[in-house]
PDB file of N, CA and C in Angstrom:
ATOM      1  N   UNK A   1      75.493 -13.287  22.038  1.00  0.00           N
ATOM      2  CA  UNK A   1      74.789 -13.939  20.839  1.00  0.00           C
ATOM      3  C   UNK A   1      75.457 -14.929  20.410  1.00  0.00           C
ATOM      4  N   UNK A   2      74.165 -15.276  19.327  1.00  0.00           N
ATOM      5  CA  UNK A   2      75.436 -17.212  18.617  1.00  0.00           C
ATOM      6  C   UNK A   2      75.724 -16.352  17.258  1.00  0.00           C
ATOM      7  N   UNK A   3      75.579 -17.887  16.318  1.00  0.00           N
ATOM      8  CA  UNK A   3      76.588 -17.630  15.207  1.00  0.00           C
ATOM      9  C   UNK A   3      75.383 -17.718  13.928  1.00  0.00           C
ATOM     10  N   UNK A   4      75.402 -17.392  12.829  1.00  0.00           N
ATOM     11  CA  UNK A   4      74.489 -17.451  12.089  1.00  0.00           C
ATOM     12  C   UNK A   4      75.228 -18.200  11.039  1.00  0.00           C
ATOM     13  N   UNK A   5      74.920 -18.697  10.096  1.00  0.00           N
ATOM     14  CA  UNK A   5      75.090 -19.125   8.687  1.00  0.00           C
ATOM     15  C   UNK A   5      74.053 -19.347   7.714  1.00  0.00           C
ATOM     16  N   UNK A   6      74.014 -18.599   6.786  1.00  0.00           N
ATOM     17  CA  UNK A   6      73.354 -18.617   5.457  1.00  0.00           C
ATOM     18  C   UNK A   6      73.478 -18.860   4.289  1.00  0.00           C
ATOM     19  N   UNK A   7      72.955 -19.421   3.117  1.00  0.00           N
ATOM     20  CA  UNK A   7      73.337 -19.729   1.790  1.00  0.00           C
ATOM     21  C   UNK A   7      71.860 -19.572   0.925  1.00  0.00           C
ATOM     22  N   UNK A   8      71.429 -18.207   0.803  1.00  0.00           N
ATOM     23  CA  UNK A   8      70.280 -18.149   0.131  1.00  0.00           C
ATOM     24  C   UNK A   8      71.027 -17.619  -1.166  1.00  0.00           C
ATOM     25  N   UNK A   9      70.160 -17.660  -2.256  1.00  0.00           N
ATOM     26  CA  UNK A   9      70.481 -17.217  -3.629  1.00  0.00           C
ATOM     27  C   UNK A   9      68.768 -16.451  -4.458  1.00  0.00           C
ATOM     28  N   UNK A  10      68.657 -15.200  -4.548  1.00  0.00           N
ATOM     29  CA  UNK A  10      67.747 -14.789  -5.363  1.00  0.00           C
ATOM     30  C   UNK A  10      66.267 -15.140  -4.306  1.00  0.00           C
ATOM     31  N   UNK A  11      66.308 -15.216  -3.015  1.00  0.00           N
ATOM     32  CA  UNK A  11      65.323 -15.108  -1.825  1.00  0.00           C
ATOM     33  C   UNK A  11      64.504 -13.813  -1.896  1.00  0.00           C
ATOM     34  N   UNK A  12      63.521 -13.664  -1.666  1.00  0.00           N
ATOM     35  CA  UNK A  12      62.564 -12.563  -1.356  1.00  0.00           C
ATOM     36  C   UNK A  12      63.457 -11.588   0.465  1.00  0.00           C
ATOM     37  N   UNK A  13      63.908 -10.477   0.647  1.00  0.00           N
ATOM     38  CA  UNK A  13      64.746 -10.047   1.379  1.00  0.00           C
ATOM     39  C   UNK A  13      63.373 -10.449   2.541  1.00  0.00           C
ATOM     40  N   UNK A  14      62.517 -10.005   2.760  1.00  0.00           N
ATOM     41  CA  UNK A  14      61.394 -10.082   4.100  1.00  0.00           C
ATOM     42  C   UNK A  14      60.758 -11.615   4.224  1.00  0.00           C
ATOM     43  N   UNK A  15      61.146 -12.785   3.550  1.00  0.00           N
ATOM     44  CA  UNK A  15      60.805 -13.905   3.579  1.00  0.00           C
ATOM     45  C   UNK A  15      62.526 -14.218   4.281  1.00  0.00           C
ATOM     46  N   UNK A  16      63.413 -13.519   4.096  1.00  0.00           N
ATOM     47  CA  UNK A  16      64.537 -14.395   4.437  1.00  0.00           C
ATOM     48  C   UNK A  16      64.719 -13.561   6.326  1.00  0.00           C
ATOM     49  N   UNK A  17      64.061 -12.281   6.388  1.00  0.00           N
ATOM     50  CA  UNK A  17      64.477 -12.300   7.335  1.00  0.00           C
ATOM     51  C   UNK A  17      63.116 -12.399   8.570  1.00  0.00           C
ATOM     52  N   UNK A  18      62.393 -12.622   7.987  1.00  0.00           N
ATOM     53  CA  UNK A  18      61.266 -13.349   8.512  1.00  0.00           C
ATOM     54  C   UNK A  18      61.722 -14.963   9.386  1.00  0.00           C
ATOM     55  N   UNK A  19      62.423 -15.473   8.536  1.00  0.00           N
ATOM     56  CA  UNK A  19      63.170 -16.989   8.997  1.00  0.00           C
ATOM     57  C   UNK A  19      63.755 -16.615   9.853  1.00  0.00           C
ATOM     58  N   UNK A  20      64.735 -15.498   9.962  1.00  0.00           N
ATOM     59  CA  UNK A  20      66.256 -15.318  10.656  1.00  0.00           C
ATOM     60  C   UNK A  20      65.407 -15.089  12.126  1.00  0.00           C
ATOM     61  N   UNK A  21      63.772 -14.109  11.933  1.00  0.00           N
ATOM     62  CA  UNK A  21      63.094 -13.777  13.109  1.00  0.00           C
ATOM     63  C   UNK A  21      62.600 -14.954  13.990  1.00  0.00           C
ATOM     64  N   UNK A  22      62.223 -15.817  13.008  1.00  0.00           N
ATOM     65  CA  UNK A  22      61.640 -17.367  14.023  1.00  0.00           C
ATOM     66  C   UNK A  22      62.835 -17.636  14.260  1.00  0.00           C
ATOM     67  N   UNK A  23      64.334 -18.367  13.319  1.00  0.00           N
ATOM     68  CA  UNK A  23      65.002 -18.741  14.403  1.00  0.00           C
ATOM     69  C   UNK A  23      65.511 -18.348  15.620  1.00  0.00           C
ATOM     70  N   UNK A  24      65.595 -16.785  15.507  1.00  0.00           N
ATOM     71  CA  UNK A  24      65.844 -16.119  17.371  1.00  0.00           C
ATOM     72  C   UNK A  24      65.189 -16.062  17.809  1.00  0.00           C
ATOM     73  N   UNK A  25      63.592 -16.567  17.702  1.00  0.00           N
ATOM     74  CA  UNK A  25      63.370 -16.268  18.531  1.00  0.00           C
ATOM     75  C   UNK A  25      62.443 -14.860  19.308  1.00  0.00           C
ATOM     76  N   UNK A  26      62.648 -14.041  17.657  1.00  0.00           N
ATOM     77  CA  UNK A  26      61.974 -12.543  17.921  1.00  0.00           C
ATOM     78  C   UNK A  26      61.068 -12.013  16.715  1.00  0.00           C
ATOM     79  N   UNK A  27      59.927 -11.264  16.721  1.00  0.00           N
ATOM     80  CA  UNK A  27      59.828 -10.718  16.488  1.00  0.00           C
ATOM     81  C   UNK A  27      60.293 -10.132  15.023  1.00  0.00           C
ATOM     82  N   UNK A  28      59.340 -10.041  13.943  1.00  0.00           N
ATOM     83  CA  UNK A  28      59.936  -9.308  12.687  1.00  0.00           C
ATOM     84  C   UNK A  28      59.181  -8.276  12.353  1.00  0.00           C
ATOM     85  N   UNK A  29      59.568  -6.898  12.264  1.00  0.00           N
ATOM     86  CA  UNK A  29      58.622  -5.668  11.780  1.00  0.00           C
ATOM     87  C   UNK A  29      59.051  -5.497  10.628  1.00  0.00           C
ATOM     88  N   UNK A  30      58.123  -4.989  10.297  1.00  0.00           N
ATOM     89  CA  UNK A  30      58.879  -4.638   8.157  1.00  0.00           C
ATOM     90  C   UNK A  30      57.378  -3.571   8.161  1.00  0.00           C
ATOM     91  N   UNK A  31      57.917  -2.209   7.781  1.00  0.00           N
ATOM     92  CA  UNK A  31      57.133  -1.013   7.696  1.00  0.00           C
ATOM     93  C   UNK A  31      56.388  -1.242   6.865  1.00  0.00           C
ATOM     94  N   UNK A  32      56.877  -1.785   5.606  1.00  0.00           N
ATOM     95  CA  UNK A  32      56.458  -1.626   4.287  1.00  0.00           C
ATOM     96  C   UNK A  32      56.794  -2.820   2.876  1.00  0.00           C
ATOM     97  N   UNK A  33      55.667  -3.397   2.772  1.00  0.00           N
ATOM     98  CA  UNK A  33      56.123  -4.572   1.612  1.00  0.00           C
ATOM     99  C   UNK A  33      57.216  -4.177   0.464  1.00  0.00           C
ATOM    100  N   UNK A  34      57.765  -5.173   0.211  1.00  0.00           N
ATOM    101  CA  UNK A  34      59.081  -4.843  -0.579  1.00  0.00           C
ATOM    102  C   UNK A  34      59.340  -6.000  -1.487  1.00  0.00           C
ATOM    103  N   UNK A  35      59.629  -5.655  -2.617  1.00  0.00           N
ATOM    104  CA  UNK A  35      60.164  -6.713  -3.542  1.00  0.00           C
ATOM    105  C   UNK A  35      61.258  -7.327  -3.672  1.00  0.00           C
ATOM    106  N   UNK A  36      62.188  -6.522  -2.483  1.00  0.00           N
ATOM    107  CA  UNK A  36      63.826  -6.797  -3.049  1.00  0.00           C
ATOM    108  C   UNK A  36      63.810  -8.350  -2.763  1.00  0.00           C
ATOM    109  N   UNK A  37      65.219  -8.572  -3.161  1.00  0.00           N
ATOM    110  CA  UNK A  37      65.709  -9.815  -3.658  1.00  0.00           C
ATOM    111  C   UNK A  37      67.191  -9.871  -2.480  1.00  0.00           C
ATOM    112  N   UNK A  38      67.472 -11.078  -2.124  1.00  0.00           N
ATOM    113  CA  UNK A  38      68.575 -11.123  -1.491  1.00  0.00           C
ATOM    114  C   UNK A  38      69.577 -12.538  -1.828  1.00  0.00           C
ATOM    115  N   UNK A  39      71.188 -11.991  -1.914  1.00  0.00           N
ATOM    116  CA  UNK A  39      71.797 -13.099  -2.113  1.00  0.00           C
ATOM    117  C   UNK A  39      72.934 -13.308  -0.932  1.00  0.00           C
ATOM    118  N   UNK A  40      72.964 -14.489  -0.221  1.00  0.00           N
ATOM    119  CA  UNK A  40      73.597 -14.803   0.814  1.00  0.00           C
ATOM    120  C   UNK A  40      74.568 -15.581   0.925  1.00  0.00           C
ATOM    121  N   UNK A  41      75.779 -15.604   1.419  1.00  0.00           N
ATOM    122  CA  UNK A  41      76.379 -16.803   1.534  1.00  0.00           C
ATOM    123  C   UNK A  41      77.639 -16.508   2.776  1.00  0.00           C
ATOM    124  N   UNK A  42      77.129 -17.060   3.650  1.00  0.00           N
ATOM    125  CA  UNK A  42      78.192 -17.053   4.503  1.00  0.00           C
ATOM    126  C   UNK A  42      78.083 -17.831   5.847  1.00  0.00           C
ATOM    127  N   UNK A  43      78.857 -18.108   6.729  1.00  0.00           N
ATOM    128  CA  UNK A  43      78.786 -19.383   8.199  1.00  0.00           C
ATOM    129  C   UNK A  43      79.437 -19.035   9.025  1.00  0.00           C
ATOM    130  N   UNK A  44      79.256 -19.701   9.850  1.00  0.00           N
ATOM    131  CA  UNK A  44      79.403 -18.925  11.413  1.00  0.00           C
ATOM    132  C   UNK A  44      80.075 -17.750  12.116  1.00  0.00           C
ATOM    133  N   UNK A  45      79.273 -16.752  11.327  1.00  0.00           N
ATOM    134  CA  UNK A  45      79.280 -15.346  11.679  1.00  0.00           C
ATOM    135  C   UNK A  45      78.577 -14.977  12.926  1.00  0.00           C
ATOM    136  N   UNK A  46      79.468 -14.335  13.559  1.00  0.00           N
ATOM    137  CA  UNK A  46      78.371 -13.484  14.760  1.00  0.00           C
ATOM    138  C   UNK A  46      77.258 -12.760  14.747  1.00  0.00           C
ATOM    139  N   UNK A  47      75.682 -12.649  14.604  1.00  0.00           N
ATOM    140  CA  UNK A  47      74.808 -11.810  14.149  1.00  0.00           C
ATOM    141  C   UNK A  47      75.039 -10.238  13.764  1.00  0.00           C
ATOM    142  N   UNK A  48      76.231  -9.641  15.234  1.00  0.00           N
ATOM    143  CA  UNK A  48      76.142  -8.469  14.352  1.00  0.00           C
ATOM    144  C   UNK A  48      77.362  -8.240  13.198  1.00  0.00           C
ATOM    145  N   UNK A  49      78.289  -9.656  12.804  1.00  0.00           N
ATOM    146  CA  UNK A  49      78.725  -9.418  11.889  1.00  0.00           C
ATOM    147  C   UNK A  49      77.897  -9.945  10.281  1.00  0.00           C
ATOM    148  N   UNK A  50      77.120 -10.925  10.626  1.00  0.00           N
ATOM    149  CA  UNK A  50      76.374 -11.608   9.411  1.00  0.00           C
ATOM    150  C   UNK A  50      75.313 -10.422   9.210  1.00  0.00           C
ATOM    151  N   UNK A  51      74.560  -9.569  10.238  1.00  0.00           N
ATOM    152  CA  UNK A  51      73.683  -8.537   9.642  1.00  0.00           C
ATOM    153  C   UNK A  51      74.573  -7.180   8.698  1.00  0.00           C
ATOM    154  N   UNK A  52      75.970  -7.095   9.272  1.00  0.00           N
ATOM    155  CA  UNK A  52      76.373  -5.851   8.354  1.00  0.00           C
ATOM    156  C   UNK A  52      76.609  -6.254   6.608  1.00  0.00           C
ATOM    157  N   UNK A  53      76.321  -7.303   6.482  1.00  0.00           N
ATOM    158  CA  UNK A  53      75.958  -8.045   5.000  1.00  0.00           C
ATOM    159  C   UNK A  53      74.936  -7.440   4.362  1.00  0.00           C
ATOM    160  N   UNK A  54      73.321  -7.349   5.228  1.00  0.00           N
ATOM    161  CA  UNK A  54      72.334  -6.828   4.896  1.00  0.00           C
ATOM    162  C   UNK A  54      72.339  -5.231   4.454  1.00  0.00           C
ATOM    163  N   UNK A  55      71.081  -5.210   3.733  1.00  0.00           N
ATOM    164  CA  UNK A  55      71.154  -3.649   3.657  1.00  0.00           C
ATOM    165  C   UNK A  55      70.713  -2.672   4.346  1.00  0.00           C
ATOM    166  N   UNK A  56      71.176  -1.299   4.530  1.00  0.00           N
ATOM    167  CA  UNK A  56      71.449  -0.904   5.843  1.00  0.00           C
ATOM    168  C   UNK A  56      69.882  -0.479   6.180  1.00  0.00           C
ATOM    169  N   UNK A  57      68.882  -1.009   5.226  1.00  0.00           N
ATOM    170  CA  UNK A  57      67.278  -0.686   6.021  1.00  0.00           C
ATOM    171  C   UNK A  57      66.853  -1.939   7.068  1.00  0.00           C
ATOM    172  N   UNK A  58      67.559  -2.982   7.213  1.00  0.00           N
ATOM    173  CA  UNK A  58      67.653  -4.024   8.256  1.00  0.00           C
ATOM    174  C   UNK A  58      68.133  -3.904   9.401  1.00  0.00           C
ATOM    175  N   UNK A  59      67.901  -3.379  10.301  1.00  0.00           N
ATOM    176  CA  UNK A  59      67.670  -3.289  11.902  1.00  0.00           C
ATOM    177  C   UNK A  59      67.897  -4.321  12.643  1.00  0.00           C
ATOM    178  N   UNK A  60      68.501  -4.966  13.785  1.00  0.00           N
ATOM    179  CA  UNK A  60      68.677  -6.158  14.521  1.00  0.00           C
ATOM    180  C   UNK A  60      68.629  -4.996  15.404  1.00  0.00           C
ATOM    181  N   UNK A  61      67.757  -5.242  16.654  1.00  0.00           N
ATOM    182  CA  UNK A  61      67.665  -4.429  17.963  1.00  0.00           C
ATOM    183  C   UNK A  61      68.224  -5.291  19.266  1.00  0.00           C
ATOM    184  N   UNK A  62      69.206  -4.761  19.593  1.00  0.00           N
ATOM    185  CA  UNK A  62      69.657  -5.994  20.583  1.00  0.00           C
ATOM    186  C   UNK A  62      69.905  -5.211  21.798  1.00  0.00           C
ATOM    187  N   UNK A  63      69.552  -5.759  23.357  1.00  0.00           N
ATOM    188  CA  UNK A  63      69.556  -5.454  24.632  1.00  0.00           C
ATOM    189  C   UNK A  63      71.287  -5.758  25.373  1.00  0.00           C
ATOM    190  N   UNK A  64      71.892  -4.907  25.101  1.00  0.00           N
ATOM    191  CA  UNK A  64      73.544  -5.042  25.959  1.00  0.00           C
ATOM    192  C   UNK A  64      73.719  -5.247  27.223  1.00  0.00           C
ATOM    193  N   UNK A  65      74.142  -6.279  27.471  1.00  0.00           N
ATOM    194  CA  UNK A  65      74.855  -6.530  28.675  1.00  0.00           C
ATOM    195  C   UNK A  65      76.028  -6.514  29.286  1.00  0.00           C
ATOM    196  N   UNK A  66      76.050  -5.023  29.747  1.00  0.00           N
ATOM    197  CA  UNK A  66      77.562  -4.761  29.941  1.00  0.00           C
ATOM    198  C   UNK A  66      78.361  -5.959  30.432  1.00  0.00           C
ATOM    199  N   UNK A  67      77.983  -6.355  32.274  1.00  0.00           N
ATOM    200  CA  UNK A  67      78.142  -7.004  32.932  1.00  0.00           C
ATOM    201  C   UNK A  67      79.019  -8.244  32.621  1.00  0.00           C
ATOM    202  N   UNK A  68      78.013  -9.023  31.292  1.00  0.00           N
ATOM    203  CA  UNK A  68      78.251  -9.840  31.119  1.00  0.00           C
ATOM    204  C   UNK A  68      78.695 -10.056  29.828  1.00  0.00           C
ATOM    205  N   UNK A  69      78.728  -8.844  29.622  1.00  0.00           N
ATOM    206  CA  UNK A  69      79.809  -8.520  28.219  1.00  0.00           C
ATOM    207  C   UNK A  69      78.949  -9.028  27.082  1.00  0.00           C
ATOM    208  N   UNK A  70      77.394  -9.365  27.021  1.00  0.00           N
ATOM    209  CA  UNK A  70      76.811  -9.943  25.925  1.00  0.00           C
ATOM    210  C   UNK A  70      75.112  -9.160  24.968  1.00  0.00           C
ATOM    211  N   UNK A  71      75.427  -9.308  24.392  1.00  0.00           N
ATOM    212  CA  UNK A  71      73.966  -8.714  23.673  1.00  0.00           C
ATOM    213  C   UNK A  71      72.857  -9.780  23.364  1.00  0.00           C
ATOM    214  N   UNK A  72      71.720  -9.445  23.407  1.00  0.00           N
ATOM    215  CA  UNK A  72      70.339 -10.412  23.654  1.00  0.00           C
ATOM    216  C   UNK A  72      69.555  -9.839  22.415  1.00  0.00           C
ATOM    217  N   UNK A  73      69.334 -10.499  20.655  1.00  0.00           N
ATOM    218  CA  UNK A  73      68.320 -10.160  20.162  1.00  0.00           C
ATOM    219  C   UNK A  73      66.725  -9.705  20.570  1.00  0.00           C
ATOM    220  N   UNK A  74      66.118  -8.567  20.367  1.00  0.00           N
ATOM    221  CA  UNK A  74      65.003  -8.061  20.982  1.00  0.00           C
ATOM    222  C   UNK A  74      64.099  -8.363  19.394  1.00  0.00           C
ATOM    223  N   UNK A  75      64.387  -7.664  18.632  1.00  0.00           N
ATOM    224  CA  UNK A  75      63.780  -7.190  17.485  1.00  0.00           C
ATOM    225  C   UNK A  75      64.545  -7.240  16.083  1.00  0.00           C
ATOM    226  N   UNK A  76      63.520  -7.636  14.826  1.00  0.00           N
ATOM    227  CA  UNK A  76      64.414  -7.442  14.012  1.00  0.00           C
ATOM    228  C   UNK A  76      63.458  -6.973  13.023  1.00  0.00           C
ATOM    229  N   UNK A  77      64.028  -5.862  12.466  1.00  0.00           N
ATOM    230  CA  UNK A  77      62.783  -4.704  11.604  1.00  0.00           C
ATOM    231  C   UNK A  77      63.603  -4.559  10.490  1.00  0.00           C
ATOM    232  N   UNK A  78      62.499  -3.933   9.408  1.00  0.00           N
ATOM    233  CA  UNK A  78      63.103  -3.633   7.913  1.00  0.00           C
ATOM    234  C   UNK A  78      62.615  -2.463   8.035  1.00  0.00           C
ATOM    235  N   UNK A  79      63.378  -1.191   7.611  1.00  0.00           N
ATOM    236  CA  UNK A  79      62.182  -0.396   7.451  1.00  0.00           C
ATOM    237  C   UNK A  79      62.860   0.695   6.337  1.00  0.00           C
ATOM    238  N   UNK A  80      61.960   0.139   5.131  1.00  0.00           N
ATOM    239  CA  UNK A  80      62.198   1.202   4.140  1.00  0.00           C
ATOM    240  C   UNK A  80      61.882   2.454   3.936  1.00  0.00           C
TER     241      UNK A  80
END
């Protein structure tokens, strides 16, 4: 997986996740609407490390290729 850089202040969590999903080329699924906002500021983090800064309701689904030691993003989910 690649790296991610983000700098957002008081942005809609769902809008930020939608933008990330678009950048990754994966689907974004939101179980229900949310008013949550988020502040993030990080540069050149791995996707797995970057997603540790999101609330626990945010899930990045990946497929792990053990032979190549890589992960491929499949879907981004906000499960409230």
